[in-house]
Amino acid sequence: MIQLLCVEDDPIVRRYLEILLSTQADLKVRALVPEAAAAFPYLREGHLDVLLLDYQMQGMNGMDLLQAVSLWEGRTTQESRLPRVLFFTGCADEEFEAQARKLGAHGVVSKSSVTEELITAIRAVAGGEAWFGHIPNGPVDGNGRALRKALIAENDRPVRAALNALLPQHGYSASLAWKGEDVIQMLQQDHYDLLLLDHRLPGMMLGTSLFDQIERRWPGLPVVVLTGMPDATHYRPCENVRSAILKPVTAQGLQKALAGIE
């Protein structure tokens, strides 16, 4: 059951959402509230899967609320989780989507497309997917083909350098993170096709707690574990982990690990 909180200041739209969402057996609306301030008690309680959020409201607007939610990230437990954010707005242009992505939203649905898209978008976002109509241009290879995006979460410089050099040969561009907090922030702000993660990455979220967040919030994201321990090459703390690479990283080791994904 997908638990929803809806924030919408127009009473007619709230009534429409109430009727529409009540027809779906897998959706449960915890509340429909008219302003951002009224959402905070439900957010503090946790146990929400999706925050369906209007942008233009009196007082605190949707972006302000999204920023407030993002500030809580990393301070919640598995039992008191934060929802994934889906904007439901008439401002669904490319500029708005880019700003929403940057602040950590997971999707945008135009109010003009509500009948066709809203229910599907809610399910997609609740399942860990993104829902955006405008896909930003990304890096391309020498033939103009779009590269997939890999996030390297590793604080060892030689390992980062090796992966940064090898990944483009397999069709990936690379971004770097040094701490667990950085991983969560970067995954919130952008879409990645692959996460290469040191299983002892330093930071506030140590050990399996970081894997727990990834498994819960990005269930479809493939993870390759980077390890210096031969006996940890089968280390699988969450369902996302598809393979492991023994450090120091070699071209053969990376190819073998990626073969388990592709």
Protein backbone atom coordinates (compact mmCIF):
# COMPACT_ATOMS: atom_id res chain seq x y z
CA MET A 1 0.00 0.00 0.00
CA ILE A 2 1.40 3.39 -1.05
CA GLN A 3 0.92 5.99 1.69
CA LEU A 4 0.30 9.51 0.33
CA LEU A 5 0.27 13.03 1.70
CA CYS A 6 -1.16 15.67 -0.65
CA VAL A 7 -0.49 19.40 -0.27
CA GLU A 8 -2.76 21.53 -2.50
CA ASP A 9 -4.29 24.93 -1.69
CA ASP A 10 -7.17 24.84 -4.18
CA PRO A 11 -10.21 23.16 -2.53
CA ILE A 12 -11.66 22.11 -5.89
CA VAL A 13 -8.42 20.40 -6.89
CA ARG A 14 -8.18 18.76 -3.43
CA ARG A 15 -11.67 17.33 -3.87
CA TYR A 16 -10.78 16.06 -7.35
CA LEU A 17 -7.63 14.39 -5.99
CA GLU A 18 -9.60 12.82 -3.16
CA ILE A 19 -12.06 11.26 -5.62
CA LEU A 20 -9.40 10.17 -8.13
CA LEU A 21 -7.03 8.63 -5.61
CA SER A 22 -9.79 6.86 -3.67
CA THR A 23 -10.50 4.68 -6.72
CA GLN A 24 -7.03 3.05 -6.52
CA ALA A 25 -6.82 0.04 -4.20
CA ASP A 26 -3.05 0.33 -3.75
CA LEU A 27 -3.10 4.03 -2.75
CA LYS A 28 -4.00 5.36 0.68
CA VAL A 29 -4.29 9.12 1.20
CA ARG A 30 -3.21 9.93 4.75
CA ALA A 31 -4.31 13.55 4.39
CA LEU A 32 -5.06 16.33 1.91
CA VAL A 33 -3.86 19.60 3.42
CA PRO A 34 -4.21 23.17 2.08
CA GLU A 35 -0.77 24.57 2.93
CA ALA A 36 2.83 23.53 3.46
CA ALA A 37 2.80 24.25 7.20
CA ALA A 38 0.00 21.71 7.69
CA ALA A 39 2.19 18.97 6.20
CA PHE A 40 4.86 19.00 8.91
CA PRO A 41 3.00 16.91 11.55
CA TYR A 42 2.51 14.11 9.01
CA LEU A 43 6.12 14.33 7.84
CA ARG A 44 7.36 14.06 11.42
CA GLU A 45 5.24 10.96 11.98
CA GLY A 46 6.91 9.30 8.99
CA HIS A 47 5.53 6.19 7.25
CA LEU A 48 4.77 8.18 4.09
CA ASP A 49 5.83 6.93 0.68
CA VAL A 50 4.98 9.89 -1.55
CA LEU A 51 4.49 13.59 -0.91
CA LEU A 52 2.25 14.95 -3.69
CA LEU A 53 3.06 18.63 -3.70
CA ASP A 54 1.66 21.73 -5.39
CA TYR A 55 4.11 24.53 -6.15
CA GLN A 56 2.19 27.80 -5.96
CA MET A 57 0.62 28.17 -2.51
CA GLN A 58 0.06 30.91 0.02
CA GLY A 59 2.92 31.29 2.50
CA MET A 60 5.58 28.60 2.07
CA ASN A 61 5.53 27.38 -1.52
CA GLY A 62 6.28 23.86 -2.75
CA MET A 63 10.00 24.47 -3.31
CA ASP A 64 10.34 25.85 0.23
CA LEU A 65 8.73 22.71 1.62
CA LEU A 66 10.95 20.49 -0.54
CA GLN A 67 14.04 22.25 0.82
CA ALA A 68 12.80 21.77 4.38
CA VAL A 69 12.23 18.06 3.75
CA SER A 70 15.72 17.72 2.24
CA LEU A 71 17.30 19.22 5.37
CA TRP A 72 15.88 16.35 7.42
CA GLU A 73 17.54 13.75 5.20
CA GLY A 74 19.94 11.53 7.13
CA ARG A 75 18.25 12.35 10.45
CA THR A 76 15.45 9.83 10.15
CA THR A 77 15.28 6.12 10.87
CA GLN A 78 13.90 3.23 8.85
CA GLU A 79 10.75 3.46 10.99
CA SER A 80 10.38 7.23 10.43
CA ARG A 81 11.31 7.69 6.79
CA LEU A 82 10.88 10.68 4.53
CA PRO A 83 8.66 10.41 1.46
CA ARG A 84 9.67 10.73 -2.17
CA VAL A 85 8.45 14.05 -3.58
CA LEU A 86 6.24 14.33 -6.67
CA PHE A 87 5.21 17.82 -7.81
CA PHE A 88 1.69 18.24 -9.15
CA THR A 89 1.71 21.67 -10.75
CA GLY A 90 0.87 23.88 -13.67
CA CYS A 91 4.54 25.00 -13.82
CA ALA A 92 5.90 21.79 -15.35
CA ASP A 93 8.31 23.40 -17.79
CA GLU A 94 11.96 22.45 -18.29
CA GLU A 95 13.29 25.20 -16.01
CA PHE A 96 10.98 24.18 -13.18
CA GLU A 97 11.93 20.51 -13.56
CA ALA A 98 15.63 21.37 -13.43
CA GLN A 99 15.14 23.30 -10.19
CA ALA A 100 13.02 20.52 -8.69
CA ARG A 101 15.67 17.90 -9.57
CA LYS A 102 18.40 20.02 -8.01
CA LEU A 103 16.51 20.28 -4.73
CA GLY A 104 15.80 16.54 -4.59
CA ALA A 105 12.33 16.06 -6.10
CA HIS A 106 11.67 12.71 -7.74
CA GLY A 107 9.15 13.78 -10.35
CA VAL A 108 6.85 16.45 -11.81
CA VAL A 109 3.35 15.96 -13.23
CA SER A 110 1.59 18.77 -15.07
CA LYS A 111 -1.94 19.51 -13.91
CA SER A 112 -2.93 19.45 -17.57
CA SER A 113 -1.92 15.78 -17.74
CA VAL A 114 -3.35 14.59 -14.44
CA THR A 115 -5.85 12.12 -15.91
CA GLU A 116 -3.24 10.40 -18.07
CA GLU A 117 -0.21 10.52 -15.80
CA LEU A 118 -0.83 11.09 -12.10
CA ILE A 119 -1.60 7.55 -10.90
CA THR A 120 1.20 6.02 -12.98
CA ALA A 121 3.64 8.70 -11.79
CA ILE A 122 2.78 8.10 -8.13
CA ARG A 123 3.43 4.37 -8.49
CA ALA A 124 6.67 4.96 -10.40
CA VAL A 125 8.03 7.42 -7.87
CA ALA A 126 6.99 5.22 -4.92
CA GLY A 127 8.86 2.36 -6.61
CA GLY A 128 12.11 4.31 -6.77
CA GLU A 129 11.85 5.69 -10.31
CA ALA A 130 11.97 9.30 -11.50
CA TRP A 131 9.12 10.97 -13.40
CA PHE A 132 10.25 13.95 -15.45
CA GLY A 133 9.11 15.07 -18.88
CA HIS A 134 12.30 16.95 -19.71
CA ILE A 135 15.47 14.87 -19.57
CA PRO A 136 18.60 17.03 -19.24
CA ASN A 137 21.30 16.60 -21.85
CA GLY A 138 24.11 14.40 -20.58
CA PRO A 139 27.64 13.53 -21.71
CA VAL A 140 28.12 11.63 -24.96
CA ASP A 141 30.82 9.35 -26.37
CA GLY A 142 32.88 9.97 -29.50
CA ASN A 143 30.00 8.77 -31.69
CA GLY A 144 27.46 11.10 -30.07
CA ARG A 145 25.76 8.34 -28.06
CA ALA A 146 24.61 9.27 -24.56
CA LEU A 147 26.78 7.86 -21.78
CA ARG A 148 25.19 6.19 -18.78
CA LYS A 149 25.99 7.80 -15.46
CA ALA A 150 28.05 6.11 -12.74
CA LEU A 151 28.62 7.43 -9.23
CA ILE A 152 31.98 6.42 -7.68
CA ALA A 153 31.77 6.51 -3.87
CA GLU A 154 35.36 5.90 -2.83
CA ASN A 155 37.94 7.91 -0.85
CA ASP A 156 41.04 6.14 -2.20
CA ARG A 157 42.57 8.34 -4.91
CA PRO A 158 44.17 5.57 -7.04
CA VAL A 159 40.89 3.63 -7.11
CA ARG A 160 38.94 6.74 -8.12
CA ALA A 161 41.48 7.54 -10.84
CA ALA A 162 41.40 4.01 -12.24
CA LEU A 163 37.59 3.89 -12.38
CA ASN A 164 37.40 7.37 -13.83
CA ALA A 165 39.69 6.26 -16.66
CA LEU A 166 38.08 2.86 -17.28
CA LEU A 167 34.34 3.57 -17.03
CA PRO A 168 34.05 5.59 -20.30
CA GLN A 169 35.32 2.49 -22.13
CA HIS A 170 32.15 0.75 -20.94
CA GLY A 171 29.80 3.62 -21.83
CA TYR A 172 29.69 5.41 -18.46
CA SER A 173 30.51 8.93 -17.40
CA ALA A 174 31.74 9.20 -13.80
CA SER A 175 30.90 11.44 -10.84
CA LEU A 176 32.70 11.23 -7.49
CA ALA A 177 31.59 11.10 -3.85
CA TRP A 178 33.80 10.86 -0.77
CA LYS A 179 31.35 10.29 2.11
CA GLY A 180 28.05 8.58 2.77
CA GLU A 181 26.30 11.93 3.09
CA ASP A 182 27.57 12.90 -0.36
CA VAL A 183 26.19 9.69 -1.89
CA ILE A 184 22.67 10.34 -0.58
CA GLN A 185 22.74 13.99 -1.64
CA MET A 186 23.95 13.21 -5.16
CA LEU A 187 21.42 10.40 -5.64
CA GLN A 188 18.69 12.81 -4.58
CA GLN A 189 19.78 15.44 -7.06
CA ASP A 190 20.41 13.37 -10.17
CA HIS A 191 19.72 10.04 -11.85
CA TYR A 192 22.52 7.44 -11.90
CA ASP A 193 22.64 4.12 -13.71
CA LEU A 194 25.33 2.58 -11.51
CA LEU A 195 26.84 3.08 -8.04
CA LEU A 196 30.36 1.83 -7.29
CA LEU A 197 30.58 1.91 -3.50
CA ASP A 198 33.41 1.27 -1.07
CA HIS A 199 31.87 -1.02 1.56
CA ARG A 200 33.74 0.91 4.26
CA LEU A 201 32.98 4.41 2.98
CA PRO A 202 33.48 6.98 5.76
CA GLY A 203 30.86 9.46 6.86
CA MET A 204 27.91 9.92 9.16
CA MET A 205 26.08 6.92 7.70
CA LEU A 206 28.46 4.04 8.21
CA GLY A 207 28.25 0.37 7.29
CA THR A 208 24.93 -1.14 6.39
CA SER A 209 22.90 2.00 7.26
CA LEU A 210 23.98 3.56 3.97
CA PHE A 211 23.11 0.35 2.08
CA ASP A 212 19.75 0.32 3.88
CA GLN A 213 18.91 3.81 2.62
CA ILE A 214 19.94 2.94 -0.92
CA GLU A 215 17.88 -0.27 -0.92
CA ARG A 216 14.81 1.53 0.42
CA ARG A 217 14.95 4.68 -1.67
CA TRP A 218 16.58 3.53 -4.93
CA PRO A 219 15.65 -0.16 -5.22
CA GLY A 220 16.43 -0.33 -8.94
CA LEU A 221 19.94 1.15 -8.72
CA PRO A 222 22.68 -1.46 -9.40
CA VAL A 223 25.53 -1.34 -6.86
CA VAL A 224 29.04 -2.71 -7.32
CA VAL A 225 30.95 -3.04 -4.03
CA LEU A 226 34.58 -1.90 -3.99
CA THR A 227 36.65 -3.81 -1.45
CA GLY A 228 40.25 -4.50 -0.48
CA MET A 229 39.31 -7.72 1.32
CA PRO A 230 39.29 -10.90 -0.81
CA ASP A 231 36.79 -12.54 1.52
CA ALA A 232 34.36 -9.62 1.02
CA THR A 233 33.93 -10.04 -2.73
CA HIS A 234 30.59 -11.77 -2.11
CA TYR A 235 29.51 -9.11 0.40
CA ARG A 236 25.81 -8.35 -0.27
CA PRO A 237 24.29 -6.18 2.45
CA CYS A 238 21.29 -5.26 0.25
CA GLU A 239 19.41 -6.41 -2.83
CA ASN A 240 20.97 -3.65 -4.96
CA VAL A 241 24.44 -5.23 -4.83
CA ARG A 242 25.06 -7.13 -8.08
CA SER A 243 28.81 -7.77 -7.90
CA ALA A 244 32.10 -6.72 -6.28
CA ILE A 245 35.51 -5.52 -7.40
CA LEU A 246 38.68 -6.36 -5.50
CA LYS A 247 41.04 -3.41 -5.11
CA PRO A 248 43.33 -2.36 -6.70
CA VAL A 249 40.92 -2.00 -9.60
CA THR A 250 41.96 -3.50 -12.93
CA ALA A 251 40.35 -3.38 -16.37
CA GLN A 252 39.62 -7.10 -16.11
CA GLY A 253 38.08 -6.75 -12.66
CA LEU A 254 35.79 -3.93 -13.78
CA GLN A 255 34.74 -5.80 -16.92
CA LYS A 256 33.86 -8.89 -14.90
CA ALA A 257 31.85 -6.85 -12.39
CA LEU A 258 29.92 -5.01 -15.10
CA ALA A 259 29.18 -8.29 -16.87
CA GLY A 260 27.09 -9.22 -13.82
CA ILE A 261 24.95 -6.13 -14.39
CA GLU A 262 24.64 -5.87 -18.14
